[in-house]
Amino acid sequence: MSVVLGYDQSPGAARALRVAIEVAAAFDERLVLVYGAAAPGITGEEYQAHHDAVRQAGRSGLDRAVRAADEAGVPSTVEIIDEKPEQALMDAASRHGARVIVVGSWGESPMRGALLGSTPHKLLHLSTVPVLCVPTAEEGS
């Protein structure tokens, strides 16, 4: 089994990383760090340039997450998947036999998430694997 984390360098992802490392360490499982790198559009040079930039941004952020996992003694795997984040996370969870998918939130209201289709909101409704949604700020901070 594993713990799958959606990581995108957002404030919510930073806190979710800490929680995912704790969960992976508690269950002595591998942490799978996932970045959904689907670029908008479907063709042309602009698409390729955007795609390459999105993948590079993901790689940069994931490198920091790997260092944090290494410091905590948690083995990790990195996946940059050319899908929208929710699909990338569900695919990785399926391939790695995930115990849980961990994602951070942006502090959006449930209505805003429902209307705009946030990744946590989509996962909560579509995933067959349990989803742990970590709020951006700790209570009282």
N, C-alpha and C. Protein backbone atom coordinates (compact mmCIF):
# COMPACT_ATOMS: atom_id res chain seq x y z
N MET A 1 0.83 -1.18 0.00
CA MET A 1 0.00 0.00 0.00
C MET A 1 0.87 1.24 0.00
N SER A 2 0.24 2.39 -0.15
CA SER A 2 0.97 3.65 -0.20
C SER A 2 0.06 4.79 0.26
N VAL A 3 0.65 5.96 0.36
CA VAL A 3 -0.08 7.20 0.61
C VAL A 3 0.20 8.09 -0.60
N VAL A 4 -0.84 8.52 -1.30
CA VAL A 4 -0.69 9.36 -2.48
C VAL A 4 -0.98 10.81 -2.08
N LEU A 5 -0.09 11.71 -2.48
CA LEU A 5 -0.23 13.13 -2.17
C LEU A 5 -0.26 13.93 -3.45
N GLY A 6 -1.28 14.77 -3.60
CA GLY A 6 -1.30 15.75 -4.68
C GLY A 6 -0.52 16.96 -4.22
N TYR A 7 0.55 17.29 -4.96
CA TYR A 7 1.44 18.37 -4.52
C TYR A 7 1.65 19.38 -5.64
N ASP A 8 1.36 20.65 -5.35
CA ASP A 8 1.49 21.69 -6.37
C ASP A 8 2.12 22.98 -5.87
N GLN A 9 2.76 22.97 -4.75
CA GLN A 9 3.45 24.11 -4.15
C GLN A 9 2.52 25.17 -3.58
N SER A 10 1.23 24.93 -3.53
CA SER A 10 0.29 25.88 -2.94
C SER A 10 0.42 25.83 -1.42
N PRO A 11 -0.10 26.85 -0.72
CA PRO A 11 -0.07 26.80 0.74
C PRO A 11 -0.78 25.56 1.29
N GLY A 12 -1.88 25.16 0.67
CA GLY A 12 -2.57 23.95 1.11
C GLY A 12 -1.74 22.70 0.91
N ALA A 13 -1.00 22.65 -0.20
CA ALA A 13 -0.16 21.48 -0.48
C ALA A 13 0.99 21.37 0.51
N ALA A 14 1.51 22.50 0.95
CA ALA A 14 2.62 22.49 1.92
C ALA A 14 2.17 21.83 3.23
N ARG A 15 0.99 22.19 3.71
CA ARG A 15 0.49 21.58 4.95
C ARG A 15 0.10 20.12 4.71
N ALA A 16 -0.48 19.84 3.53
CA ALA A 16 -0.85 18.46 3.20
C ALA A 16 0.39 17.57 3.14
N LEU A 17 1.53 18.12 2.69
CA LEU A 17 2.78 17.35 2.65
C LEU A 17 3.16 16.89 4.06
N ARG A 18 3.08 17.81 5.02
CA ARG A 18 3.43 17.43 6.40
C ARG A 18 2.50 16.33 6.92
N VAL A 19 1.22 16.44 6.63
CA VAL A 19 0.26 15.43 7.09
C VAL A 19 0.50 14.11 6.37
N ALA A 20 0.74 14.15 5.07
CA ALA A 20 0.97 12.92 4.30
C ALA A 20 2.23 12.20 4.79
N ILE A 21 3.27 12.95 5.12
CA ILE A 21 4.48 12.33 5.66
C ILE A 21 4.18 11.65 6.99
N GLU A 22 3.40 12.30 7.84
CA GLU A 22 3.01 11.70 9.13
C GLU A 22 2.24 10.40 8.92
N VAL A 23 1.27 10.42 7.99
CA VAL A 23 0.46 9.23 7.73
C VAL A 23 1.32 8.11 7.16
N ALA A 24 2.17 8.43 6.19
CA ALA A 24 3.04 7.41 5.58
C ALA A 24 3.98 6.82 6.63
N ALA A 25 4.53 7.66 7.49
CA ALA A 25 5.43 7.18 8.54
C ALA A 25 4.68 6.30 9.54
N ALA A 26 3.47 6.71 9.91
CA ALA A 26 2.69 5.95 10.89
C ALA A 26 2.36 4.55 10.38
N PHE A 27 2.09 4.42 9.08
CA PHE A 27 1.75 3.13 8.51
C PHE A 27 2.93 2.45 7.83
N ASP A 28 4.12 3.06 7.93
CA ASP A 28 5.34 2.52 7.32
C ASP A 28 5.11 2.23 5.83
N GLU A 29 4.64 3.25 5.12
CA GLU A 29 4.32 3.09 3.70
C GLU A 29 5.03 4.14 2.86
N ARG A 30 5.14 3.84 1.60
CA ARG A 30 5.75 4.74 0.62
C ARG A 30 4.81 5.91 0.36
N LEU A 31 5.41 7.09 0.19
CA LEU A 31 4.67 8.29 -0.17
C LEU A 31 4.82 8.49 -1.67
N VAL A 32 3.70 8.57 -2.38
CA VAL A 32 3.71 8.79 -3.83
C VAL A 32 3.29 10.24 -4.06
N LEU A 33 4.24 11.04 -4.53
CA LEU A 33 4.02 12.47 -4.76
C LEU A 33 3.58 12.65 -6.21
N VAL A 34 2.40 13.22 -6.40
CA VAL A 34 1.80 13.31 -7.73
C VAL A 34 1.55 14.76 -8.10
N TYR A 35 1.90 15.09 -9.35
CA TYR A 35 1.62 16.41 -9.92
C TYR A 35 0.88 16.19 -11.22
N GLY A 36 -0.35 16.69 -11.29
CA GLY A 36 -1.13 16.60 -12.52
C GLY A 36 -0.72 17.73 -13.45
N ALA A 37 -0.15 17.38 -14.60
CA ALA A 37 0.47 18.37 -15.49
C ALA A 37 -0.29 18.60 -16.78
N ALA A 38 -1.59 18.41 -16.77
CA ALA A 38 -2.36 18.64 -18.00
C ALA A 38 -2.33 20.13 -18.32
N ALA A 39 -1.90 20.44 -19.54
CA ALA A 39 -1.88 21.83 -19.99
C ALA A 39 -3.17 22.15 -20.71
N PRO A 40 -3.61 23.41 -20.64
CA PRO A 40 -4.84 23.75 -21.36
C PRO A 40 -4.61 23.71 -22.87
N GLY A 41 -5.68 23.58 -23.61
CA GLY A 41 -5.57 23.53 -25.06
C GLY A 41 -5.24 22.14 -25.54
N ILE A 42 -5.20 21.97 -26.87
CA ILE A 42 -4.95 20.61 -27.37
C ILE A 42 -3.88 20.50 -28.43
N THR A 43 -3.48 21.61 -29.08
CA THR A 43 -2.51 21.48 -30.16
C THR A 43 -1.60 22.69 -30.24
N GLY A 44 -0.59 22.57 -31.10
CA GLY A 44 0.26 23.69 -31.46
C GLY A 44 1.46 23.90 -30.57
N GLU A 45 2.30 24.84 -31.02
CA GLU A 45 3.54 25.15 -30.31
C GLU A 45 3.27 25.74 -28.94
N GLU A 46 2.22 26.56 -28.82
CA GLU A 46 1.89 27.13 -27.52
C GLU A 46 1.60 26.04 -26.51
N TYR A 47 0.88 25.02 -26.96
CA TYR A 47 0.58 23.90 -26.07
C TYR A 47 1.87 23.26 -25.59
N GLN A 48 2.78 22.95 -26.50
CA GLN A 48 4.02 22.26 -26.12
C GLN A 48 4.85 23.10 -25.17
N ALA A 49 4.96 24.40 -25.43
CA ALA A 49 5.72 25.28 -24.54
C ALA A 49 5.09 25.32 -23.16
N HIS A 50 3.75 25.43 -23.12
CA HIS A 50 3.05 25.47 -21.84
C HIS A 50 3.21 24.13 -21.12
N HIS A 51 3.05 23.05 -21.85
CA HIS A 51 3.20 21.71 -21.28
C HIS A 51 4.57 21.53 -20.64
N ASP A 52 5.62 21.93 -21.36
CA ASP A 52 6.98 21.80 -20.84
C ASP A 52 7.18 22.65 -19.59
N ALA A 53 6.62 23.88 -19.59
CA ALA A 53 6.75 24.76 -18.42
C ALA A 53 6.01 24.20 -17.22
N VAL A 54 4.82 23.64 -17.44
CA VAL A 54 4.04 23.06 -16.36
C VAL A 54 4.78 21.86 -15.76
N ARG A 55 5.33 21.01 -16.60
CA ARG A 55 6.07 19.84 -16.10
C ARG A 55 7.31 20.27 -15.31
N GLN A 56 8.02 21.29 -15.78
CA GLN A 56 9.21 21.77 -15.07
C GLN A 56 8.83 22.36 -13.71
N ALA A 57 7.74 23.11 -13.66
CA ALA A 57 7.27 23.67 -12.39
C ALA A 57 6.92 22.54 -11.42
N GLY A 58 6.27 21.51 -11.93
CA GLY A 58 5.94 20.36 -11.09
C GLY A 58 7.17 19.67 -10.56
N ARG A 59 8.15 19.46 -11.43
CA ARG A 59 9.40 18.80 -11.02
C ARG A 59 10.10 19.59 -9.93
N SER A 60 10.15 20.91 -10.06
CA SER A 60 10.80 21.77 -9.08
C SER A 60 10.12 21.64 -7.71
N GLY A 61 8.80 21.72 -7.70
CA GLY A 61 8.07 21.60 -6.44
C GLY A 61 8.20 20.23 -5.82
N LEU A 62 8.14 19.20 -6.65
CA LEU A 62 8.24 17.84 -6.13
C LEU A 62 9.61 17.56 -5.56
N ASP A 63 10.66 18.19 -6.10
CA ASP A 63 12.01 18.00 -5.54
C ASP A 63 12.04 18.45 -4.09
N ARG A 64 11.37 19.56 -3.78
CA ARG A 64 11.32 20.04 -2.39
C ARG A 64 10.53 19.06 -1.52
N ALA A 65 9.47 18.51 -2.05
CA ALA A 65 8.66 17.55 -1.30
C ALA A 65 9.45 16.27 -1.02
N VAL A 66 10.23 15.82 -1.99
CA VAL A 66 11.06 14.62 -1.80
C VAL A 66 12.08 14.86 -0.69
N ARG A 67 12.69 16.05 -0.69
CA ARG A 67 13.66 16.35 0.38
C ARG A 67 12.99 16.29 1.75
N ALA A 68 11.76 16.82 1.86
CA ALA A 68 11.04 16.78 3.15
C ALA A 68 10.75 15.34 3.55
N ALA A 69 10.34 14.51 2.60
CA ALA A 69 10.09 13.10 2.91
C ALA A 69 11.38 12.40 3.32
N ASP A 70 12.47 12.67 2.60
CA ASP A 70 13.76 12.06 2.95
C ASP A 70 14.19 12.43 4.37
N GLU A 71 14.03 13.71 4.72
CA GLU A 71 14.40 14.16 6.07
C GLU A 71 13.59 13.44 7.14
N ALA A 72 12.35 13.06 6.82
CA ALA A 72 11.50 12.35 7.77
C ALA A 72 11.70 10.85 7.71
N GLY A 73 12.57 10.38 6.82
CA GLY A 73 12.83 8.95 6.69
C GLY A 73 11.71 8.20 5.99
N VAL A 74 10.91 8.89 5.19
CA VAL A 74 9.79 8.26 4.48
C VAL A 74 10.19 8.06 3.02
N PRO A 75 10.19 6.81 2.55
CA PRO A 75 10.53 6.59 1.13
C PRO A 75 9.46 7.21 0.24
N SER A 76 9.89 7.74 -0.92
CA SER A 76 8.93 8.39 -1.79
C SER A 76 9.19 8.06 -3.26
N THR A 77 8.15 8.25 -4.04
CA THR A 77 8.17 8.09 -5.49
C THR A 77 7.54 9.34 -6.07
N VAL A 78 8.03 9.78 -7.21
CA VAL A 78 7.50 10.97 -7.86
C VAL A 78 6.83 10.59 -9.17
N GLU A 79 5.66 11.17 -9.42
CA GLU A 79 4.97 10.98 -10.68
C GLU A 79 4.45 12.32 -11.18
N ILE A 80 4.84 12.69 -12.39
CA ILE A 80 4.27 13.84 -13.07
C ILE A 80 3.42 13.26 -14.19
N ILE A 81 2.12 13.44 -14.07
CA ILE A 81 1.17 12.75 -14.94
C ILE A 81 0.45 13.77 -15.81
N ASP A 82 0.38 13.51 -17.09
CA ASP A 82 -0.26 14.42 -18.04
C ASP A 82 -1.78 14.26 -18.02
N GLU A 83 -2.34 14.53 -16.87
CA GLU A 83 -3.80 14.50 -16.66
C GLU A 83 -4.15 15.65 -15.75
N LYS A 84 -5.44 15.96 -15.67
CA LYS A 84 -5.89 16.94 -14.68
C LYS A 84 -5.60 16.37 -13.30
N PRO A 85 -5.38 17.24 -12.31
CA PRO A 85 -4.95 16.75 -10.99
C PRO A 85 -5.82 15.64 -10.40
N GLU A 86 -7.15 15.78 -10.44
CA GLU A 86 -7.99 14.75 -9.81
C GLU A 86 -7.83 13.40 -10.50
N GLN A 87 -7.73 13.39 -11.83
CA GLN A 87 -7.57 12.14 -12.55
C GLN A 87 -6.17 11.56 -12.31
N ALA A 88 -5.16 12.43 -12.29
CA ALA A 88 -3.79 11.99 -12.02
C ALA A 88 -3.71 11.31 -10.65
N LEU A 89 -4.35 11.90 -9.66
CA LEU A 89 -4.32 11.33 -8.31
C LEU A 89 -5.06 10.00 -8.24
N MET A 90 -6.22 9.92 -8.86
CA MET A 90 -6.97 8.66 -8.84
C MET A 90 -6.22 7.56 -9.59
N ASP A 91 -5.58 7.90 -10.71
CA ASP A 91 -4.80 6.92 -11.46
C ASP A 91 -3.62 6.41 -10.63
N ALA A 92 -2.90 7.34 -10.01
CA ALA A 92 -1.75 6.95 -9.18
C ALA A 92 -2.20 6.11 -8.00
N ALA A 93 -3.31 6.48 -7.38
CA ALA A 93 -3.84 5.71 -6.24
C ALA A 93 -4.16 4.29 -6.67
N SER A 94 -4.72 4.13 -7.83
CA SER A 94 -5.05 2.80 -8.33
C SER A 94 -3.79 1.98 -8.60
N ARG A 95 -2.83 2.57 -9.28
CA ARG A 95 -1.58 1.86 -9.62
C ARG A 95 -0.77 1.46 -8.40
N HIS A 96 -0.81 2.32 -7.37
CA HIS A 96 0.04 2.09 -6.18
C HIS A 96 -0.72 1.48 -5.01
N GLY A 97 -1.95 1.08 -5.22
CA GLY A 97 -2.72 0.50 -4.12
C GLY A 97 -2.79 1.42 -2.92
N ALA A 98 -3.20 2.65 -3.15
CA ALA A 98 -3.16 3.66 -2.09
C ALA A 98 -4.14 3.37 -0.96
N ARG A 99 -3.70 3.61 0.24
CA ARG A 99 -4.54 3.56 1.44
C ARG A 99 -5.40 4.82 1.49
N VAL A 100 -4.82 5.95 1.05
CA VAL A 100 -5.49 7.25 1.12
C VAL A 100 -4.86 8.20 0.10
N ILE A 101 -5.67 9.14 -0.37
CA ILE A 101 -5.17 10.26 -1.18
C ILE A 101 -5.23 11.49 -0.29
N VAL A 102 -4.12 12.21 -0.18
CA VAL A 102 -4.05 13.41 0.64
C VAL A 102 -3.95 14.63 -0.27
N VAL A 103 -4.80 15.62 -0.03
CA VAL A 103 -4.76 16.87 -0.79
C VAL A 103 -4.95 18.04 0.16
N GLY A 104 -4.40 19.16 -0.22
CA GLY A 104 -4.61 20.38 0.54
C GLY A 104 -5.78 21.15 -0.04
N SER A 105 -6.35 22.00 0.77
CA SER A 105 -7.43 22.86 0.28
C SER A 105 -6.93 24.30 0.25
N TRP A 106 -7.62 25.12 -0.48
CA TRP A 106 -7.29 26.54 -0.57
C TRP A 106 -8.14 27.36 0.38
N GLY A 107 -8.88 26.71 1.24
CA GLY A 107 -9.76 27.43 2.15
C GLY A 107 -11.02 27.92 1.45
N GLU A 108 -11.36 27.27 0.33
CA GLU A 108 -12.57 27.65 -0.38
C GLU A 108 -13.80 27.19 0.38
N SER A 109 -14.88 27.92 0.18
CA SER A 109 -16.14 27.49 0.75
C SER A 109 -16.62 26.27 -0.02
N PRO A 110 -17.44 25.41 0.59
CA PRO A 110 -17.97 24.25 -0.13
C PRO A 110 -18.72 24.66 -1.40
N MET A 111 -19.42 25.79 -1.36
CA MET A 111 -20.17 26.23 -2.54
C MET A 111 -19.21 26.62 -3.67
N ARG A 112 -18.16 27.35 -3.34
CA ARG A 112 -17.18 27.75 -4.36
C ARG A 112 -16.52 26.52 -4.97
N GLY A 113 -16.16 25.54 -4.14
CA GLY A 113 -15.56 24.31 -4.66
C GLY A 113 -16.51 23.57 -5.58
N ALA A 114 -17.78 23.54 -5.21
CA ALA A 114 -18.77 22.86 -6.04
C ALA A 114 -18.97 23.58 -7.37
N LEU A 115 -19.00 24.90 -7.33
CA LEU A 115 -19.22 25.67 -8.56
C LEU A 115 -18.01 25.66 -9.48
N LEU A 116 -16.83 25.81 -8.91
CA LEU A 116 -15.62 25.90 -9.73
C LEU A 116 -14.96 24.55 -9.96
N GLY A 117 -15.35 23.55 -9.21
CA GLY A 117 -14.78 22.22 -9.43
C GLY A 117 -13.38 22.05 -8.90
N SER A 118 -13.15 22.37 -7.62
CA SER A 118 -11.83 22.20 -7.04
C SER A 118 -11.42 20.74 -7.04
N THR A 119 -10.11 20.49 -7.04
CA THR A 119 -9.60 19.13 -7.01
C THR A 119 -10.10 18.37 -5.79
N PRO A 120 -10.01 18.94 -4.56
CA PRO A 120 -10.54 18.19 -3.41
C PRO A 120 -12.02 17.84 -3.57
N HIS A 121 -12.80 18.79 -4.06
CA HIS A 121 -14.24 18.55 -4.23
C HIS A 121 -14.48 17.41 -5.21
N LYS A 122 -13.78 17.42 -6.33
CA LYS A 122 -13.93 16.35 -7.31
C LYS A 122 -13.52 15.00 -6.73
N LEU A 123 -12.39 14.98 -6.00
CA LEU A 123 -11.93 13.71 -5.42
C LEU A 123 -12.92 13.16 -4.41
N LEU A 124 -13.48 14.04 -3.59
CA LEU A 124 -14.44 13.59 -2.58
C LEU A 124 -15.65 12.91 -3.21
N HIS A 125 -15.98 13.30 -4.43
CA HIS A 125 -17.14 12.73 -5.10
C HIS A 125 -16.82 11.59 -6.06
N LEU A 126 -15.58 11.53 -6.55
CA LEU A 126 -15.25 10.55 -7.60
C LEU A 126 -14.33 9.42 -7.15
N SER A 127 -13.52 9.66 -6.15
CA SER A 127 -12.51 8.67 -5.77
C SER A 127 -13.12 7.46 -5.05
N THR A 128 -12.61 6.29 -5.37
CA THR A 128 -12.99 5.08 -4.64
C THR A 128 -12.04 4.83 -3.48
N VAL A 129 -10.97 5.63 -3.40
CA VAL A 129 -9.99 5.56 -2.32
C VAL A 129 -10.33 6.68 -1.34
N PRO A 130 -10.22 6.45 -0.03
CA PRO A 130 -10.49 7.53 0.93
C PRO A 130 -9.64 8.76 0.63
N VAL A 131 -10.21 9.95 0.84
CA VAL A 131 -9.54 11.22 0.58
C VAL A 131 -9.41 11.97 1.90
N LEU A 132 -8.20 12.41 2.19
CA LEU A 132 -7.94 13.24 3.37
C LEU A 132 -7.66 14.65 2.86
N CYS A 133 -8.58 15.56 3.14
CA CYS A 133 -8.48 16.95 2.67
C CYS A 133 -7.96 17.79 3.84
N VAL A 134 -6.77 18.36 3.67
CA VAL A 134 -6.09 19.09 4.73
C VAL A 134 -6.33 20.59 4.55
N PRO A 135 -6.87 21.27 5.57
CA PRO A 135 -7.08 22.72 5.44
C PRO A 135 -5.74 23.45 5.38
N THR A 136 -5.76 24.62 4.75
CA THR A 136 -4.52 25.39 4.56
C THR A 136 -3.92 25.84 5.88
N ALA A 137 -4.73 26.42 6.76
CA ALA A 137 -4.23 26.95 8.02
C ALA A 137 -4.68 26.09 9.18
N GLU A 138 -3.78 25.99 10.15
CA GLU A 138 -4.16 25.25 11.37
C GLU A 138 -5.19 26.07 12.13
N GLU A 139 -6.01 25.38 12.89
CA GLU A 139 -7.03 26.01 13.73
C GLU A 139 -6.37 27.03 14.65
N GLY A 140 -6.89 28.25 14.67
CA GLY A 140 -6.36 29.27 15.57
C GLY A 140 -5.12 29.99 15.07
N SER A 141 -4.72 29.75 13.80
CA SER A 141 -3.52 30.45 13.32
C SER A 141 -3.87 31.47 12.27
